[in-house]
PDB file of N, CA and C in Angstrom:
ATOM      1  N   MET A   1      78.015  89.142 110.591  1.00  0.00           N
ATOM      2  CA  MET A   1      78.150  87.762 110.190  1.00  0.00           C
ATOM      3  C   MET A   1      78.810  87.666 108.814  1.00  0.00           C
ATOM      4  N   ARG A   2      78.448  88.603 107.940  1.00  0.00           N
ATOM      5  CA  ARG A   2      79.007  88.599 106.586  1.00  0.00           C
ATOM      6  C   ARG A   2      80.530  88.731 106.624  1.00  0.00           C
ATOM      7  N   TYR A   3      81.030  89.550 107.571  1.00  0.00           N
ATOM      8  CA  TYR A   3      82.470  89.769 107.663  1.00  0.00           C
ATOM      9  C   TYR A   3      83.178  88.522 108.173  1.00  0.00           C
ATOM     10  N   ARG A   4      82.543  87.797 109.060  1.00  0.00           N
ATOM     11  CA  ARG A   4      83.140  86.564 109.564  1.00  0.00           C
ATOM     12  C   ARG A   4      83.270  85.534 108.451  1.00  0.00           C
ATOM     13  N   ILE A   5      82.243  85.439 107.627  1.00  0.00           N
ATOM     14  CA  ILE A   5      82.289  84.493 106.509  1.00  0.00           C
ATOM     15  C   ILE A   5      83.380  84.894 105.522  1.00  0.00           C
ATOM     16  N   ALA A   6      83.463  86.192 105.232  1.00  0.00           N
ATOM     17  CA  ALA A   6      84.490  86.674 104.311  1.00  0.00           C
ATOM     18  C   ALA A   6      85.888  86.427 104.886  1.00  0.00           C
ATOM     19  N   PHE A   7      86.040  86.647 106.190  1.00  0.00           N
ATOM     20  CA  PHE A   7      87.338  86.398 106.827  1.00  0.00           C
ATOM     21  C   PHE A   7      87.703  84.918 106.756  1.00  0.00           C
ATOM     22  N   ALA A   8      86.749  84.062 107.078  1.00  0.00           N
ATOM     23  CA  ALA A   8      86.994  82.616 107.044  1.00  0.00           C
ATOM     24  C   ALA A   8      87.345  82.157 105.629  1.00  0.00           C
ATOM     25  N   ALA A   9      86.634  82.694 104.640  1.00  0.00           N
ATOM     26  CA  ALA A   9      86.923  82.327 103.254  1.00  0.00           C
ATOM     27  C   ALA A   9      88.324  82.797 102.858  1.00  0.00           C
ATOM     28  N   GLY A  10      88.693  84.005 103.271  1.00  0.00           N
ATOM     29  CA  GLY A  10      90.027  84.518 102.966  1.00  0.00           C
ATOM     30  C   GLY A  10      91.115  83.718 103.647  1.00  0.00           C
ATOM     31  N   ALA A  11      90.868  83.332 104.893  1.00  0.00           N
ATOM     32  CA  ALA A  11      91.850  82.524 105.617  1.00  0.00           C
ATOM     33  C   ALA A  11      92.006  81.158 104.960  1.00  0.00           C
ATOM     34  N   ALA A  12      90.902  80.562 104.562  1.00  0.00           N
ATOM     35  CA  ALA A  12      90.966  79.259 103.899  1.00  0.00           C
ATOM     36  C   ALA A  12      91.713  79.364 102.571  1.00  0.00           C
ATOM     37  N   LEU A  13      91.410  80.394 101.800  1.00  0.00           N
ATOM     38  CA  LEU A  13      92.092  80.592 100.521  1.00  0.00           C
ATOM     39  C   LEU A  13      93.590  80.807 100.733  1.00  0.00           C
ATOM     40  N   GLY A  14      93.951  81.621 101.722  1.00  0.00           N
ATOM     41  CA  GLY A  14      95.359  81.848 102.029  1.00  0.00           C
ATOM     42  C   GLY A  14      96.063  80.582 102.440  1.00  0.00           C
ATOM     43  N   TYR A  15      95.377  79.767 103.221  1.00  0.00           N
ATOM     44  CA  TYR A  15      95.970  78.490 103.658  1.00  0.00           C
ATOM     45  C   TYR A  15      96.223  77.576 102.465  1.00  0.00           C
ATOM     46  N   VAL A  16      95.217  77.457 101.586  1.00  0.00           N
ATOM     47  CA  VAL A  16      95.358  76.577 100.417  1.00  0.00           C
ATOM     48  C   VAL A  16      96.483  77.060  99.513  1.00  0.00           C
ATOM     49  N   LEU A  17      96.497  78.375  99.237  1.00  0.00           N
ATOM     50  CA  LEU A  17      97.556  78.900  98.369  1.00  0.00           C
ATOM     51  C   LEU A  17      98.918  78.769  99.026  1.00  0.00           C
ATOM     52  N   GLY A  18      98.968  78.962 100.330  1.00  0.00           N
ATOM     53  CA  GLY A  18     100.226  78.835 101.050  1.00  0.00           C
ATOM     54  C   GLY A  18     100.765  77.419 101.035  1.00  0.00           C
ATOM     55  N   THR A  19      99.892  76.454 101.184  1.00  0.00           N
ATOM     56  CA  THR A  19     100.366  75.073 101.175  1.00  0.00           C
ATOM     57  C   THR A  19     100.771  74.632  99.782  1.00  0.00           C
ATOM     58  N   LYS A  20     100.119  75.184  98.768  1.00  0.00           N
ATOM     59  CA  LYS A  20     100.518  74.832  97.399  1.00  0.00           C
ATOM     60  C   LYS A  20     101.877  75.445  97.057  1.00  0.00           C
ATOM     61  N   ALA A  21     102.152  76.628  97.587  1.00  0.00           N
ATOM     62  CA  ALA A  21     103.434  77.260  97.304  1.00  0.00           C
ATOM     63  C   ALA A  21     104.565  76.470  97.948  1.00  0.00           C
ATOM     64  N   GLY A  22     104.335  75.941  99.115  1.00  0.00           N
ATOM     65  CA  GLY A  22     105.301  75.067  99.758  1.00  0.00           C
ATOM     66  C   GLY A  22     106.418  75.771 100.485  1.00  0.00           C
ATOM     67  N   ARG A  23     107.264  74.960 101.052  1.00  0.00           N
ATOM     68  CA  ARG A  23     108.366  75.439 101.875  1.00  0.00           C
ATOM     69  C   ARG A  23     109.395  76.224 101.064  1.00  0.00           C
ATOM     70  N   GLU A  24     109.620  75.805  99.833  1.00  0.00           N
ATOM     71  CA  GLU A  24     110.624  76.478  98.993  1.00  0.00           C
ATOM     72  C   GLU A  24     110.254  77.943  98.769  1.00  0.00           C
ATOM     73  N   ARG A  25     109.011  78.190  98.456  1.00  0.00           N
ATOM     74  CA  ARG A  25     108.561  79.572  98.232  1.00  0.00           C
ATOM     75  C   ARG A  25     108.643  80.371  99.523  1.00  0.00           C
ATOM     76  N   TYR A  26     108.301  79.721 100.630  1.00  0.00           N
ATOM     77  CA  TYR A  26     108.416  80.385 101.927  1.00  0.00           C
ATOM     78  C   TYR A  26     109.854  80.814 102.177  1.00  0.00           C
ATOM     79  N   GLU A  27     110.791  79.942 101.906  1.00  0.00           N
ATOM     80  CA  GLU A  27     112.205  80.260 102.105  1.00  0.00           C
ATOM     81  C   GLU A  27     112.642  81.406 101.205  1.00  0.00           C
ATOM     82  N   GLN A  28     112.130  81.441  99.969  1.00  0.00           N
ATOM     83  CA  GLN A  28     112.448  82.556  99.066  1.00  0.00           C
ATOM     84  C   GLN A  28     111.949  83.872  99.645  1.00  0.00           C
ATOM     85  N   LEU A  29     110.714  83.869 100.117  1.00  0.00           N
ATOM     86  CA  LEU A  29     110.149  85.089 100.692  1.00  0.00           C
ATOM     87  C   LEU A  29     110.891  85.510 101.953  1.00  0.00           C
ATOM     88  N   ALA A  30     111.255  84.560 102.793  1.00  0.00           N
ATOM     89  CA  ALA A  30     111.991  84.873 104.015  1.00  0.00           C
ATOM     90  C   ALA A  30     113.364  85.448 103.687  1.00  0.00           C
ATOM     91  N   LYS A  31     114.030  84.887 102.686  1.00  0.00           N
ATOM     92  CA  LYS A  31     115.339  85.389 102.272  1.00  0.00           C
ATOM     93  C   LYS A  31     115.229  86.826 101.754  1.00  0.00           C
ATOM     94  N   TYR A  32     114.204  87.078 100.953  1.00  0.00           N
ATOM     95  CA  TYR A  32     113.984  88.430 100.435  1.00  0.00           C
ATOM     96  C   TYR A  32     113.703  89.410 101.576  1.00  0.00           C
ATOM     97  N   ALA A  33     112.899  88.996 102.546  1.00  0.00           N
ATOM     98  CA  ALA A  33     112.577  89.867 103.683  1.00  0.00           C
ATOM     99  C   ALA A  33     113.834  90.185 104.493  1.00  0.00           C
ATOM    100  N   ARG A  34     114.716  89.194 104.673  1.00  0.00           N
ATOM    101  CA  ARG A  34     115.974  89.434 105.384  1.00  0.00           C
ATOM    102  C   ARG A  34     116.864  90.400 104.612  1.00  0.00           C
ATOM    103  N   GLN A  35     116.922  90.247 103.298  1.00  0.00           N
ATOM    104  CA  GLN A  35     117.738  91.154 102.486  1.00  0.00           C
ATOM    105  C   GLN A  35     117.239  92.585 102.603  1.00  0.00           C
ATOM    106  N   VAL A  36     115.935  92.749 102.549  1.00  0.00           N
ATOM    107  CA  VAL A  36     115.357  94.092 102.652  1.00  0.00           C
ATOM    108  C   VAL A  36     115.637  94.675 104.028  1.00  0.00           C
ATOM    109  N   SER A  37     115.462  93.872 105.071  1.00  0.00           N
ATOM    110  CA  SER A  37     115.645  94.398 106.424  1.00  0.00           C
ATOM    111  C   SER A  37     117.103  94.715 106.731  1.00  0.00           C
ATOM    112  N   HIS A  38     118.033  94.074 106.051  1.00  0.00           N
ATOM    113  CA  HIS A  38     119.452  94.348 106.277  1.00  0.00           C
ATOM    114  C   HIS A  38     119.995  95.442 105.359  1.00  0.00           C
ATOM    115  N   ASN A  39     119.188  95.935 104.472  1.00  0.00           N
ATOM    116  CA  ASN A  39     119.593  96.999 103.564  1.00  0.00           C
ATOM    117  C   ASN A  39     119.880  98.267 104.381  1.00  0.00           C
ATOM    118  N   PRO A  40     121.045  98.895 104.177  1.00  0.00           N
ATOM    119  CA  PRO A  40     121.378 100.102 104.948  1.00  0.00           C
ATOM    120  C   PRO A  40     120.362 101.234 104.776  1.00  0.00           C
ATOM    121  N   ALA A  41     119.800 101.387 103.598  1.00  0.00           N
ATOM    122  CA  ALA A  41     118.820 102.450 103.389  1.00  0.00           C
ATOM    123  C   ALA A  41     117.558 102.200 104.218  1.00  0.00           C
ATOM    124  N   VAL A  42     117.128 100.949 104.270  1.00  0.00           N
ATOM    125  CA  VAL A  42     115.938 100.604 105.054  1.00  0.00           C
ATOM    126  C   VAL A  42     116.221 100.815 106.532  1.00  0.00           C
ATOM    127  N   ARG A  43     117.389 100.412 106.981  1.00  0.00           N
ATOM    128  CA  ARG A  43     117.745 100.610 108.393  1.00  0.00           C
ATOM    129  C   ARG A  43     117.798 102.097 108.737  1.00  0.00           C
ATOM    130  N   ASN A  44     118.342 102.895 107.836  1.00  0.00           N
ATOM    131  CA  ASN A  44     118.437 104.333 108.071  1.00  0.00           C
ATOM    132  C   ASN A  44     117.047 104.952 108.194  1.00  0.00           C
ATOM    133  N   VAL A  45     116.148 104.576 107.298  1.00  0.00           N
ATOM    134  CA  VAL A  45     114.786 105.102 107.353  1.00  0.00           C
ATOM    135  C   VAL A  45     114.094 104.662 108.638  1.00  0.00           C
ATOM    136  N   THR A  46     114.308 103.425 109.026  1.00  0.00           N
ATOM    137  CA  THR A  46     113.706 102.907 110.254  1.00  0.00           C
ATOM    138  C   THR A  46     114.204 103.673 111.475  1.00  0.00           C
ATOM    139  N   GLU A  47     115.501 103.911 111.542  1.00  0.00           N
ATOM    140  CA  GLU A  47     116.067 104.654 112.668  1.00  0.00           C
ATOM    141  C   GLU A  47     115.558 106.087 112.694  1.00  0.00           C
ATOM    142  N   THR A  48     115.469 106.713 111.530  1.00  0.00           N
ATOM    143  CA  THR A  48     114.965 108.079 111.456  1.00  0.00           C
ATOM    144  C   THR A  48     113.510 108.144 111.920  1.00  0.00           C
ATOM    145  N   ALA A  49     112.700 107.209 111.459  1.00  0.00           N
ATOM    146  CA  ALA A  49     111.298 107.180 111.867  1.00  0.00           C
ATOM    147  C   ALA A  49     111.163 106.940 113.366  1.00  0.00           C
ATOM    148  N   THR A  50     112.014 106.088 113.912  1.00  0.00           N
ATOM    149  CA  THR A  50     111.986 105.829 115.349  1.00  0.00           C
ATOM    150  C   THR A  50     112.319 107.082 116.136  1.00  0.00           C
ATOM    151  N   GLN A  51     113.354 107.789 115.706  1.00  0.00           N
ATOM    152  CA  GLN A  51     113.745 109.014 116.396  1.00  0.00           C
ATOM    153  C   GLN A  51     112.650 110.078 116.311  1.00  0.00           C
ATOM    154  N   GLN A  52     112.052 110.217 115.135  1.00  0.00           N
ATOM    155  CA  GLN A  52     110.974 111.198 114.983  1.00  0.00           C
ATOM    156  C   GLN A  52     109.777 110.830 115.848  1.00  0.00           C
ATOM    157  N   GLY A  53     109.504 109.555 115.966  1.00  0.00           N
ATOM    158  CA  GLY A  53     108.419 109.105 116.831  1.00  0.00           C
ATOM    159  C   GLY A  53     108.692 109.416 118.289  1.00  0.00           C
ATOM    160  N   ARG A  54     109.933 109.235 118.706  1.00  0.00           N
ATOM    161  CA  ARG A  54     110.285 109.558 120.093  1.00  0.00           C
ATOM    162  C   ARG A  54     110.188 111.052 120.364  1.00  0.00           C
ATOM    163  N   VAL A  55     110.597 111.859 119.401  1.00  0.00           N
ATOM    164  CA  VAL A  55     110.486 113.306 119.567  1.00  0.00           C
ATOM    165  C   VAL A  55     109.010 113.702 119.677  1.00  0.00           C
ATOM    166  N   ALA A  56     108.182 113.149 118.804  1.00  0.00           N
ATOM    167  CA  ALA A  56     106.755 113.451 118.843  1.00  0.00           C
ATOM    168  C   ALA A  56     106.138 112.984 120.161  1.00  0.00           C
ATOM    169  N   ALA A  57     106.550 111.820 120.633  1.00  0.00           N
ATOM    170  CA  ALA A  57     106.029 111.313 121.908  1.00  0.00           C
ATOM    171  C   ALA A  57     106.463 112.213 123.054  1.00  0.00           C
ATOM    172  N   GLY A  58     107.686 112.695 123.007  1.00  0.00           N
ATOM    173  CA  GLY A  58     108.162 113.610 124.050  1.00  0.00           C
ATOM    174  C   GLY A  58     107.360 114.894 124.084  1.00  0.00           C
ATOM    175  N   LYS A  59     107.056 115.428 122.903  1.00  0.00           N
ATOM    176  CA  LYS A  59     106.222 116.635 122.840  1.00  0.00           C
ATOM    177  C   LYS A  59     104.825 116.360 123.367  1.00  0.00           C
ATOM    178  N   ALA A  60     104.294 115.202 123.014  1.00  0.00           N
ATOM    179  CA  ALA A  60     102.950 114.843 123.472  1.00  0.00           C
ATOM    180  C   ALA A  60     102.931 114.683 124.987  1.00  0.00           C
ATOM    181  N   VAL A  61     103.974 114.087 125.553  1.00  0.00           N
ATOM    182  CA  VAL A  61     104.050 113.933 127.002  1.00  0.00           C
ATOM    183  C   VAL A  61     104.028 115.296 127.664  1.00  0.00           C
ATOM    184  N   HIS A  62     104.776 116.225 127.110  1.00  0.00           N
ATOM    185  CA  HIS A  62     104.821 117.568 127.686  1.00  0.00           C
ATOM    186  C   HIS A  62     103.449 118.241 127.622  1.00  0.00           C
ATOM    187  N   VAL A  63     102.817 118.174 126.465  1.00  0.00           N
ATOM    188  CA  VAL A  63     101.501 118.805 126.304  1.00  0.00           C
ATOM    189  C   VAL A  63     100.477 118.186 127.247  1.00  0.00           C
ATOM    190  N   VAL A  64     100.464 116.877 127.319  1.00  0.00           N
ATOM    191  CA  VAL A  64      99.503 116.197 128.191  1.00  0.00           C
ATOM    192  C   VAL A  64      99.786 116.512 129.651  1.00  0.00           C
ATOM    193  N   SER A  65     101.056 116.495 130.035  1.00  0.00           N
ATOM    194  CA  SER A  65     101.373 116.763 131.443  1.00  0.00           C
ATOM    195  C   SER A  65     101.015 118.191 131.835  1.00  0.00           C
ATOM    196  N   VAL A  66     101.149 119.141 130.911  1.00  0.00           N
ATOM    197  CA  VAL A  66     100.758 120.515 131.208  1.00  0.00           C
ATOM    198  C   VAL A  66      99.243 120.609 131.366  1.00  0.00           C
ATOM    199  N   LYS A  67      98.504 119.939 130.486  1.00  0.00           N
ATOM    200  CA  LYS A  67      97.045 120.026 130.529  1.00  0.00           C
ATOM    201  C   LYS A  67      96.439 119.198 131.655  1.00  0.00           C
ATOM    202  N   VAL A  68      96.999 118.033 131.906  1.00  0.00           N
ATOM    203  CA  VAL A  68      96.412 117.130 132.889  1.00  0.00           C
ATOM    204  C   VAL A  68      97.025 117.338 134.270  1.00  0.00           C
ATOM    205  N   GLY A  69      98.298 117.668 134.309  1.00  0.00           N
ATOM    206  CA  GLY A  69      98.964 117.902 135.588  1.00  0.00           C
ATOM    207  C   GLY A  69      99.122 116.644 136.399  1.00  0.00           C
ATOM    208  N   ASP A  70      98.819 116.735 137.672  1.00  0.00           N
ATOM    209  CA  ASP A  70      99.015 115.606 138.584  1.00  0.00           C
ATOM    210  C   ASP A  70      97.798 114.698 138.656  1.00  0.00           C
ATOM    211  N   ARG A  71      96.863 114.853 137.769  1.00  0.00           N
ATOM    212  CA  ARG A  71      95.655 114.031 137.817  1.00  0.00           C
ATOM    213  C   ARG A  71      95.862 112.632 137.265  1.00  0.00           C
ATOM    214  N   LEU A  72      96.959 112.407 136.554  1.00  0.00           N
ATOM    215  CA  LEU A  72      97.243 111.066 136.026  1.00  0.00           C
ATOM    216  C   LEU A  72      97.813 110.184 137.125  1.00  0.00           C
ATOM    217  N   PRO A  73      97.400 108.931 137.167  1.00  0.00           N
ATOM    218  CA  PRO A  73      98.031 108.010 138.116  1.00  0.00           C
ATOM    219  C   PRO A  73      99.512 107.835 137.783  1.00  0.00           C
ATOM    220  N   ASP A  74     100.305 107.561 138.794  1.00  0.00           N
ATOM    221  CA  ASP A  74     101.746 107.428 138.608  1.00  0.00           C
ATOM    222  C   ASP A  74     102.097 106.312 137.628  1.00  0.00           C
ATOM    223  N   SER A  75     101.329 105.227 137.645  1.00  0.00           N
ATOM    224  CA  SER A  75     101.620 104.115 136.740  1.00  0.00           C
ATOM    225  C   SER A  75     101.468 104.539 135.281  1.00  0.00           C
ATOM    226  N   VAL A  76     100.494 105.380 134.994  1.00  0.00           N
ATOM    227  CA  VAL A  76     100.294 105.866 133.626  1.00  0.00           C
ATOM    228  C   VAL A  76     101.426 106.810 133.245  1.00  0.00           C
ATOM    229  N   SER A  77     101.806 107.670 134.150  1.00  0.00           N
ATOM    230  CA  SER A  77     102.902 108.607 133.871  1.00  0.00           C
ATOM    231  C   SER A  77     104.200 107.874 133.567  1.00  0.00           C
ATOM    232  N   ARG A  78     104.480 106.817 134.334  1.00  0.00           N
ATOM    233  CA  ARG A  78     105.703 106.043 134.089  1.00  0.00           C
ATOM    234  C   ARG A  78     105.674 105.384 132.724  1.00  0.00           C
ATOM    235  N   ARG A  79     104.525 104.848 132.363  1.00  0.00           N
ATOM    236  CA  ARG A  79     104.421 104.190 131.062  1.00  0.00           C
ATOM    237  C   ARG A  79     104.617 105.174 129.925  1.00  0.00           C
ATOM    238  N   VAL A  80     104.034 106.345 130.038  1.00  0.00           N
ATOM    239  CA  VAL A  80     104.174 107.362 128.992  1.00  0.00           C
ATOM    240  C   VAL A  80     105.625 107.781 128.874  1.00  0.00           C
ATOM    241  N   ARG A  81     106.302 107.990 129.999  1.00  0.00           N
ATOM    242  CA  ARG A  81     107.729 108.350 129.951  1.00  0.00           C
ATOM    243  C   ARG A  81     108.550 107.232 129.325  1.00  0.00           C
ATOM    244  N   ALA A  82     108.204 105.988 129.621  1.00  0.00           N
ATOM    245  CA  ALA A  82     108.945 104.859 129.070  1.00  0.00           C
ATOM    246  C   ALA A  82     108.801 104.799 127.556  1.00  0.00           C
ATOM    247  N   PHE A  83     107.589 105.013 127.056  1.00  0.00           N
ATOM    248  CA  PHE A  83     107.374 104.963 125.610  1.00  0.00           C
ATOM    249  C   PHE A  83     108.023 106.132 124.896  1.00  0.00           C
ATOM    250  N   SER A  84     108.140 107.261 125.554  1.00  0.00           N
ATOM    251  CA  SER A  84     108.720 108.424 124.888  1.00  0.00           C
ATOM    252  C   SER A  84     110.238 108.430 124.933  1.00  0.00           C
ATOM    253  N   GLY A  85     110.829 107.443 125.608  1.00  0.00           N
ATOM    254  CA  GLY A  85     112.280 107.368 125.661  1.00  0.00           C
ATOM    255  C   GLY A  85     112.870 108.120 126.831  1.00  0.00           C
ATOM    256  N   ASN A  86     112.051 108.672 127.710  1.00  0.00           N
ATOM    257  CA  ASN A  86     112.522 109.383 128.894  1.00  0.00           C
ATOM    258  C   ASN A  86     112.397 108.494 130.114  1.00  0.00           C
ATOM    259  N   ASN A  87     112.958 107.332 130.039  1.00  0.00           N
ATOM    260  CA  ASN A  87     112.834 106.337 131.096  1.00  0.00           C
ATOM    261  C   ASN A  87     113.841 106.662 132.191  1.00  0.00           C
ATOM    262  N   HIS A  88     113.363 107.057 133.355  1.00  0.00           N
ATOM    263  CA  HIS A  88     114.234 107.447 134.457  1.00  0.00           C
ATOM    264  C   HIS A  88     114.213 106.401 135.554  1.00  0.00           C
ATOM    265  N   GLY A  89     114.784 105.241 135.271  1.00  0.00           N
ATOM    266  CA  GLY A  89     114.874 104.210 136.285  1.00  0.00           C
ATOM    267  C   GLY A  89     113.575 103.503 136.573  1.00  0.00           C
ATOM    268  N   ASP A  90     112.602 103.600 135.699  1.00  0.00           N
ATOM    269  CA  ASP A  90     111.341 102.919 135.915  1.00  0.00           C
ATOM    270  C   ASP A  90     111.505 101.439 135.650  1.00  0.00           C
ATOM    271  N   ASP A  91     110.508 100.675 135.954  1.00  0.00           N
ATOM    272  CA  ASP A  91     110.586  99.227 135.817  1.00  0.00           C
ATOM    273  C   ASP A  91     110.244  98.746 134.414  1.00  0.00           C
ATOM    274  N   PHE A  92     110.298  99.586 133.412  1.00  0.00           N
ATOM    275  CA  PHE A  92     109.940  99.192 132.070  1.00  0.00           C
ATOM    276  C   PHE A  92     111.134  98.918 131.195  1.00  0.00           C
ATOM    277  N   GLY A  93     112.334  99.069 131.683  1.00  0.00           N
ATOM    278  CA  GLY A  93     113.532  98.695 130.943  1.00  0.00           C
ATOM    279  C   GLY A  93     113.685  99.448 129.645  1.00  0.00           C
ATOM    280  N   SER A  94     113.469  98.768 128.529  1.00  0.00           N
ATOM    281  CA  SER A  94     113.716  99.365 127.217  1.00  0.00           C
ATOM    282  C   SER A  94     112.560 100.211 126.733  1.00  0.00           C
ATOM    283  N   GLY A  95     111.496 100.312 127.510  1.00  0.00           N
ATOM    284  CA  GLY A  95     110.365 101.119 127.071  1.00  0.00           C
ATOM    285  C   GLY A  95     109.323 100.317 126.338  1.00  0.00           C
ATOM    286  N   THR A  96     109.451  99.004 126.306  1.00  0.00           N
ATOM    287  CA  THR A  96     108.442  98.174 125.659  1.00  0.00           C
ATOM    288  C   THR A  96     107.713  97.381 126.707  1.00  0.00           C
ATOM    289  N   VAL A  97     106.493  97.079 126.417  1.00  0.00           N
ATOM    290  CA  VAL A  97     105.670  96.320 127.375  1.00  0.00           C
ATOM    291  C   VAL A  97     105.283  95.014 126.765  1.00  0.00           C
TER     292      VAL A  97
END
């Protein structure tokens, strides 16, 4: 119960401070966020992290498939392949759900 009260108080405080800051401050923050996200260095780091995550997921898929074998349902196997970037014509498209 204590956590719910603390959460509600924090949400109320955030709302009050947010409304006092107004639309202008929101636009400033949004502009800054767009600048950061379009920065080539940030994009490069993001792409590198994505690739490393896919490599790690591929290794994990291999380890799990060796240990578990055919005991996984096909739907789970397809999802794991989709997330690891080894999507072989499954119905998950880009690998996101």
